[in-house]
Protein backbone atom coordinates (compact mmCIF):
# COMPACT_ATOMS: atom_id res chain seq x y z
CA MET A 1 -69.27 -0.11 -85.25
CA ALA A 2 -66.68 -2.90 -85.44
CA ASP A 3 -68.04 -6.40 -85.31
CA ASP A 4 -67.56 -9.64 -87.32
CA SER A 5 -71.31 -10.27 -87.58
CA ALA A 6 -73.27 -8.51 -90.34
CA MET A 7 -76.58 -9.16 -88.61
CA MET A 8 -75.33 -7.72 -85.31
CA ARG A 9 -73.90 -4.70 -87.10
CA GLN A 10 -77.28 -4.11 -88.62
CA ILE A 11 -79.09 -4.48 -85.25
CA VAL A 12 -76.75 -2.03 -83.56
CA ALA A 13 -76.95 0.45 -86.46
CA SER A 14 -80.70 0.35 -86.62
CA SER A 15 -81.06 0.68 -82.81
CA LEU A 16 -78.93 3.76 -82.79
CA THR A 17 -80.50 5.30 -85.87
CA ARG A 18 -84.05 4.88 -84.40
CA ALA A 19 -82.74 6.71 -81.33
CA GLY A 20 -81.54 9.62 -83.44
CA VAL A 21 -77.85 8.71 -83.45
CA GLU A 22 -76.03 9.18 -86.75
CA VAL A 23 -74.02 6.08 -87.69
CA VAL A 24 -71.12 7.22 -89.80
CA GLY A 25 -69.39 3.92 -90.58
CA SER A 26 -69.08 0.19 -90.17
CA ALA A 27 -66.17 -2.30 -90.11
CA THR A 28 -65.67 -5.99 -90.17
CA ASN A 29 -62.32 -6.13 -88.32
CA GLY A 30 -60.07 -4.10 -86.06
CA ASP A 31 -57.92 -2.58 -88.78
CA GLU A 32 -60.99 -1.37 -90.70
CA ALA A 33 -62.36 0.05 -87.46
CA LEU A 34 -59.21 2.15 -86.88
CA ALA A 35 -59.35 3.32 -90.44
CA VAL A 36 -63.04 4.41 -90.08
CA CYS A 37 -62.21 6.23 -86.85
CA GLU A 38 -59.33 8.08 -88.49
CA ARG A 39 -61.53 9.07 -91.48
CA GLU A 40 -64.79 9.96 -89.73
CA ARG A 41 -63.63 11.06 -86.27
CA PRO A 42 -66.78 9.65 -84.58
CA ASP A 43 -67.99 10.70 -81.15
CA ALA A 44 -68.10 7.03 -79.98
CA LEU A 45 -67.12 3.63 -81.20
CA MET A 46 -69.08 0.40 -80.76
CA LEU A 47 -66.54 -2.42 -80.60
CA ASP A 48 -66.64 -6.22 -80.61
CA LEU A 49 -63.82 -8.03 -78.80
CA THR A 50 -63.81 -11.04 -81.15
CA MET A 51 -62.84 -10.09 -84.70
CA PRO A 52 -60.55 -11.47 -87.39
CA GLY A 53 -57.10 -10.02 -87.40
CA LEU A 54 -56.70 -7.17 -84.87
CA ASP A 55 -59.15 -7.94 -82.07
CA GLY A 56 -61.03 -5.47 -79.79
CA ILE A 57 -58.34 -5.41 -77.12
CA GLY A 58 -55.82 -4.57 -79.85
CA VAL A 59 -57.97 -1.70 -81.13
CA LEU A 60 -58.22 -0.31 -77.60
CA ARG A 61 -54.47 -0.42 -77.13
CA THR A 62 -53.84 1.16 -80.52
CA LEU A 63 -56.28 4.04 -79.80
CA ARG A 64 -54.55 4.69 -76.56
CA ALA A 65 -51.15 4.55 -78.17
CA GLN A 66 -52.32 7.04 -80.78
CA GLY A 67 -53.44 9.39 -78.05
CA ARG A 68 -57.15 9.02 -78.93
CA SER A 69 -58.36 7.64 -75.64
CA ASP A 70 -60.72 10.55 -75.32
CA MET A 71 -63.06 8.87 -77.82
CA PRO A 72 -65.41 6.67 -75.70
CA VAL A 73 -65.51 3.02 -76.70
CA ILE A 74 -68.50 0.87 -75.84
CA VAL A 75 -67.73 -2.80 -76.10
CA VAL A 76 -70.67 -4.76 -77.63
CA SER A 77 -69.68 -8.41 -77.48
CA ALA A 78 -70.75 -11.82 -76.40
CA PHE A 79 -69.83 -12.23 -72.78
CA SER A 80 -70.02 -15.14 -70.46
CA PRO A 81 -68.77 -16.03 -66.96
CA ALA A 82 -65.98 -18.03 -68.64
CA HIS A 83 -64.86 -14.90 -70.53
CA GLY A 84 -65.28 -12.45 -67.76
CA ALA A 85 -61.57 -11.67 -67.70
CA ARG A 86 -61.69 -10.36 -71.31
CA ALA A 87 -64.42 -7.89 -70.34
CA VAL A 88 -62.35 -6.69 -67.38
CA ASP A 89 -59.38 -6.39 -69.70
CA ALA A 90 -61.34 -4.25 -72.06
CA LEU A 91 -62.32 -1.88 -69.24
CA ALA A 92 -58.69 -1.73 -68.07
CA GLU A 93 -57.62 -0.85 -71.60
CA GLY A 94 -59.91 2.12 -71.58
CA ALA A 95 -63.37 0.92 -72.71
CA PHE A 96 -66.11 3.22 -71.49
CA ASP A 97 -68.58 0.43 -70.78
CA LEU A 98 -69.89 -2.93 -71.76
CA VAL A 99 -73.12 -4.08 -73.45
CA ALA A 100 -73.67 -7.81 -73.88
CA LYS A 101 -74.99 -9.04 -77.22
CA PRO A 102 -78.48 -10.45 -76.78
CA ALA A 103 -78.51 -14.19 -76.59
CA VAL A 104 -81.15 -16.30 -78.42
CA GLY A 105 -84.56 -15.49 -76.87
CA GLU A 106 -83.44 -12.32 -75.14
CA SER A 107 -85.19 -9.04 -75.75
CA LEU A 108 -83.71 -6.88 -78.58
CA SER A 109 -85.56 -3.86 -77.19
CA ASP A 110 -83.82 -4.25 -73.80
CA PHE A 111 -80.45 -4.55 -75.63
CA ALA A 112 -81.21 -1.46 -77.74
CA ALA A 113 -82.27 0.57 -74.72
CA ALA A 114 -79.12 -0.31 -72.80
CA LEU A 115 -76.95 0.51 -75.84
CA VAL A 116 -78.51 3.85 -76.53
CA ALA A 117 -78.32 4.86 -72.85
CA LYS A 118 -74.63 4.19 -72.71
CA VAL A 119 -73.96 5.91 -76.02
CA GLU A 120 -75.78 8.94 -74.76
CA ALA A 121 -73.91 8.91 -71.48
CA ALA A 122 -70.55 8.55 -73.27
CA THR A 123 -71.09 11.31 -75.83
CA SER A 124 -72.54 13.62 -73.25
CA ARG A 125 -69.47 13.20 -71.04
CA ARG A 126 -67.18 13.86 -73.99
CA ARG A 127 -68.98 17.09 -74.92
CA ALA A 128 -68.89 18.22 -71.32
CA ARG A 129 -65.17 17.66 -71.08
CA ARG A 130 -64.70 19.71 -74.18
CA THR A 131 -66.52 22.71 -72.80
CA ALA A 132 -65.86 22.64 -69.06
CA GLY A 133 -62.44 23.34 -67.68
CA SER A 134 -63.18 23.32 -63.97
CA GLU A 135 -64.65 20.92 -61.57
CA ARG A 136 -68.03 21.50 -60.01
CA VAL A 137 -67.70 21.68 -56.17
CA ASN A 138 -70.34 22.93 -53.72
CA SER A 139 -68.71 25.86 -51.89
CA SER A 140 -70.21 24.83 -48.59
CA LEU A 141 -68.49 21.50 -48.88
CA THR A 142 -65.23 23.15 -49.59
CA ASP A 143 -65.61 25.24 -46.43
CA ALA A 144 -66.52 22.15 -44.43
CA GLY A 145 -63.47 20.25 -45.62
CA LEU A 146 -62.50 16.87 -44.14
CA ARG A 147 -62.61 15.94 -40.53
CA ARG A 148 -59.03 14.89 -39.95
CA PRO A 149 -58.60 12.12 -37.34
CA SER A 150 -56.85 13.12 -34.18
CA PRO A 151 -54.04 10.98 -32.73
CA SER A 152 -56.36 9.93 -29.90
CA ARG A 153 -58.97 8.79 -32.43
CA ARG A 154 -56.37 6.69 -34.23
CA ALA A 155 -55.43 5.13 -30.91
CA LEU A 156 -59.07 3.88 -30.47
CA ALA A 157 -59.20 2.53 -34.03
CA SER A 158 -60.04 -1.00 -32.79
CA ARG A 159 -63.28 0.34 -31.28
CA THR A 160 -64.21 3.26 -33.56
CA ALA A 161 -62.75 2.40 -36.94
CA ARG A 162 -65.32 2.95 -39.72
CA VAL A 163 -66.67 0.43 -42.22
CA VAL A 164 -65.86 1.65 -45.68
CA LEU A 165 -68.49 1.31 -48.42
CA ILE A 166 -67.60 2.10 -52.05
CA ALA A 167 -70.32 2.46 -54.63
CA THR A 168 -69.50 2.93 -58.37
CA SER A 169 -70.65 2.01 -61.86
CA THR A 170 -69.56 3.24 -65.28
CA GLY A 171 -65.84 3.96 -65.16
CA GLY A 172 -65.58 2.13 -61.83
CA PRO A 173 -63.13 -0.64 -62.74
CA ARG A 174 -60.52 1.93 -63.84
CA ALA A 175 -61.27 4.19 -60.92
CA LEU A 176 -60.94 1.34 -58.44
CA ALA A 177 -57.72 0.23 -60.09
CA GLU A 178 -56.32 3.68 -59.34
CA LEU A 179 -57.87 4.03 -55.87
CA LEU A 180 -57.15 0.73 -54.22
CA PRO A 181 -53.30 0.71 -54.52
CA GLY A 182 -53.28 3.97 -52.52
CA LEU A 183 -55.14 2.42 -49.56
CA PRO A 184 -53.27 0.78 -46.68
CA GLY A 185 -53.26 -2.96 -46.05
CA ARG A 186 -55.47 -2.48 -42.96
CA LEU A 187 -58.40 -0.11 -43.54
CA GLY A 188 -60.95 0.74 -40.91
CA ALA A 189 -63.08 -2.11 -39.83
CA GLY A 190 -63.44 -3.62 -43.32
CA THR A 191 -64.40 -2.58 -46.87
CA LEU A 192 -67.43 -3.42 -49.03
CA ILE A 193 -67.46 -2.50 -52.80
CA VAL A 194 -70.46 -2.44 -55.04
CA GLN A 195 -69.57 -2.14 -58.78
CA HIS A 196 -72.40 -2.56 -61.25
CA MET A 197 -71.44 -5.53 -63.44
CA PRO A 198 -73.28 -8.51 -64.95
CA PRO A 199 -72.90 -11.99 -63.41
CA GLY A 200 -69.61 -13.72 -64.01
CA PHE A 201 -67.42 -10.66 -64.36
CA THR A 202 -66.82 -9.54 -60.81
CA ARG A 203 -64.60 -12.49 -59.85
CA SER A 204 -62.20 -11.50 -62.65
CA LEU A 205 -62.39 -7.87 -61.62
CA ALA A 206 -61.65 -8.73 -58.00
CA ALA A 207 -58.62 -10.82 -59.09
CA ARG A 208 -57.27 -7.99 -61.18
CA LEU A 209 -57.80 -5.41 -58.46
CA ASP A 210 -56.13 -7.67 -55.91
CA GLN A 211 -52.96 -7.71 -57.88
CA GLY A 212 -52.32 -4.01 -57.26
CA ALA A 213 -53.89 -3.52 -53.89
CA LYS A 214 -52.33 -3.82 -50.38
CA LEU A 215 -55.71 -4.98 -49.20
CA THR A 216 -56.92 -8.46 -50.16
CA VAL A 217 -59.61 -7.96 -52.77
CA ARG A 218 -62.05 -10.76 -53.40
CA GLU A 219 -65.52 -11.49 -54.64
CA ALA A 220 -67.91 -11.85 -51.63
CA ALA A 221 -69.29 -15.38 -51.10
CA GLY A 222 -71.70 -14.51 -48.33
CA GLY A 223 -71.39 -15.06 -44.61
CA GLU A 224 -68.14 -13.14 -44.30
CA VAL A 225 -67.24 -11.26 -41.11
CA LEU A 226 -65.71 -7.83 -42.04
CA ASP A 227 -61.96 -7.77 -41.86
CA PRO A 228 -59.80 -4.68 -41.93
CA THR A 229 -57.37 -6.41 -44.34
CA VAL A 230 -60.04 -7.45 -46.87
CA ALA A 231 -62.16 -5.64 -49.47
CA LEU A 232 -65.23 -7.64 -50.51
CA LEU A 233 -66.70 -7.04 -53.96
CA ALA A 234 -70.42 -7.66 -54.53
CA PRO A 235 -70.89 -10.39 -57.10
CA GLY A 236 -72.71 -9.49 -60.28
CA GLY A 237 -76.31 -10.74 -60.26
CA LYS A 238 -76.74 -10.70 -56.45
CA HIS A 239 -77.44 -8.08 -53.88
CA MET A 240 -74.91 -7.83 -51.06
CA ARG A 241 -76.74 -7.23 -47.81
CA VAL A 242 -75.37 -6.73 -44.32
CA LEU A 243 -76.99 -8.72 -41.51
CA PRO A 244 -77.61 -7.33 -38.00
CA ASP A 245 -74.54 -9.18 -36.74
CA GLY A 246 -72.37 -7.45 -39.32
CA ARG A 247 -71.96 -10.48 -41.65
CA THR A 248 -72.50 -10.32 -45.40
CA ASN A 249 -75.44 -11.97 -46.99
CA LEU A 250 -76.00 -12.46 -50.72
CA THR A 251 -79.59 -12.52 -52.06
CA GLU A 252 -81.29 -12.88 -55.40
CA GLU A 253 -84.06 -10.42 -54.63
CA PRO A 254 -85.54 -8.62 -57.68
CA GLU A 255 -83.44 -5.99 -59.44
CA ILE A 256 -83.95 -2.42 -58.41
CA GLY A 257 -83.77 0.01 -61.23
CA ALA A 258 -82.44 -2.78 -63.50
CA LEU A 259 -79.57 -3.23 -61.01
CA ARG A 260 -78.45 -6.25 -59.05
CA PRO A 261 -76.31 -5.65 -57.08
CA ARG A 262 -77.85 -2.38 -55.90
CA ALA A 263 -75.50 -0.24 -53.77
CA ASP A 264 -78.43 1.41 -51.93
CA LEU A 265 -79.30 -1.94 -50.24
CA THR A 266 -75.78 -2.59 -49.02
CA ILE A 267 -75.39 0.99 -47.81
CA GLN A 268 -78.70 1.16 -46.06
CA ASP A 269 -78.04 -2.14 -44.22
CA ALA A 270 -74.55 -1.05 -43.21
CA ALA A 271 -75.78 2.36 -41.95
CA LYS A 272 -78.35 0.68 -39.73
CA VAL A 273 -75.74 -1.80 -38.32
CA PHE A 274 -72.71 0.44 -37.99
CA GLY A 275 -74.33 3.88 -37.53
CA GLU A 276 -71.78 6.70 -37.22
CA ARG A 277 -68.94 4.22 -37.99
CA THR A 278 -70.12 4.16 -41.61
CA LEU A 279 -67.96 5.81 -44.32
CA LEU A 280 -69.61 5.94 -47.73
CA VAL A 281 -67.57 6.76 -50.89
CA VAL A 282 -69.56 7.39 -54.13
CA MET A 283 -67.59 7.28 -57.27
CA THR A 284 -68.10 7.52 -61.01
CA GLY A 285 -71.26 6.03 -62.45
CA MET A 286 -74.57 6.59 -64.26
CA GLY A 287 -77.85 7.05 -62.38
CA ASN A 288 -78.44 7.71 -58.75
CA ASP A 289 -77.72 4.45 -57.01
CA GLY A 290 -76.22 5.35 -53.66
CA LEU A 291 -78.49 8.32 -53.05
CA ALA A 292 -81.02 6.49 -50.88
CA GLY A 293 -78.15 4.83 -49.04
CA ALA A 294 -76.46 8.17 -48.52
CA ARG A 295 -79.62 9.52 -46.89
CA GLU A 296 -79.51 6.62 -44.46
CA VAL A 297 -75.79 7.14 -43.71
CA LYS A 298 -76.42 10.75 -42.79
CA ARG A 299 -79.45 9.84 -40.69
CA HIS A 300 -77.24 7.57 -38.61
CA GLY A 301 -74.39 10.05 -38.32
CA GLY A 302 -71.98 8.53 -40.86
CA ARG A 303 -69.58 10.31 -43.25
CA ILE A 304 -69.80 10.63 -47.05
CA LEU A 305 -67.09 11.35 -49.65
CA VAL A 306 -67.84 11.75 -53.32
CA GLU A 307 -65.61 11.85 -56.42
CA ALA A 308 -65.37 15.21 -58.11
CA GLU A 309 -66.82 15.72 -61.55
CA SER A 310 -63.41 16.49 -62.96
CA THR A 311 -62.24 12.85 -62.63
CA CYS A 312 -65.52 10.99 -63.12
CA THR A 313 -66.06 9.02 -66.27
CA VAL A 314 -69.76 9.77 -65.70
CA TYR A 315 -70.83 12.25 -63.10
CA GLY A 316 -74.17 10.70 -62.26
CA MET A 317 -74.01 8.86 -58.92
CA PRO A 318 -71.77 11.43 -57.24
CA ARG A 319 -73.80 14.25 -58.62
CA ALA A 320 -77.04 12.83 -57.10
CA VAL A 321 -75.45 12.79 -53.59
CA ASN A 322 -73.71 16.17 -54.02
CA ASP A 323 -76.87 17.88 -55.32
CA ALA A 324 -78.83 16.53 -52.35
CA LYS A 325 -76.16 18.22 -50.09
CA LEU A 326 -75.34 14.96 -48.35
CA ALA A 327 -71.51 14.91 -49.11
CA ASP A 328 -69.06 15.86 -46.44
CA ALA A 329 -66.31 16.38 -49.13
CA VAL A 330 -65.98 16.31 -52.86
CA LEU A 331 -62.54 15.18 -54.04
CA PRO A 332 -60.73 14.22 -57.20
CA LEU A 333 -59.86 10.61 -57.50
CA SER A 334 -56.19 11.33 -56.84
CA GLU A 335 -57.09 12.59 -53.30
CA LEU A 336 -59.68 9.97 -52.36
CA ALA A 337 -57.31 7.27 -51.09
CA GLN A 338 -55.70 9.54 -48.47
CA ALA A 339 -59.00 10.89 -47.44
CA ILE A 340 -60.53 7.43 -47.04
CA SER A 341 -57.53 6.27 -45.06
CA GLU A 342 -57.78 9.18 -42.62
CA GLU A 343 -61.55 9.06 -42.25
CA ALA A 344 -61.64 5.28 -41.77
CA ALA A 345 -59.06 5.18 -38.98
């Protein structure tokens, strides 16, 4: 654990220890953290972004330069909307996920539960990658393949183009940064993205994704009409709904499964509005958000693509859809952009 606060180091260490996680070392700055990692070779690193000397971003860059990016790093830091860009930078530099330090008056038990869940997910994924050398693909999906659009279908794109829905969580920012540059500047009838993030971070994420994408990527404000040239990102802390007229609507309804935004809500709304013109893409992430939405997509005749286990940071959300036999195709991240482009036309 690298953090400049002795009290926070103790809280993190005790939280992990109570959960049965062995804490092998502690550090007060980035250089010490790198030294502990070299000596102890831990399965995961808890990292603050703000430290004397080498900061958290510097540690992430050094680990990557040393070829040690396989060790998951969970950033435990004080975040605020004003510093959302730093959180997004950390994810772009290879951080596995983020956990916000509890503010005064906030529950330590909630913080501990979130921290332990992400440590378990990170270490489980690392162990799986050490022992599994092949991706898990349902053979019936392989046989089904993708439905390739015919020239006549492309000619009718203005009337039959699909609305693209992308749902992702842990590992999503990096996956989106790889996916979006491969998509065309006009995609289907419009694109909606739900990425699980706390309030204040999604605007920075949208700005970063926009830099590398041909589509215009921006945080949804509510009331937008879907546009083939625009990808709208659900803002952290709000559910992105789709109204019967196809416009977006942001709400502060209660969290579902500790999530707001919840991808299921966006997907279910879109499936009811757009029916068979719905294309759902479920990418890396913990949990099963997207599963209920996927059922609604199939009920209305839409199509579903999921990311293959081999390229997922966490094979949770895609696994839930795949195991329910709802996916039309399972594809590695490198092949998703082309598939989406063809399916959405």
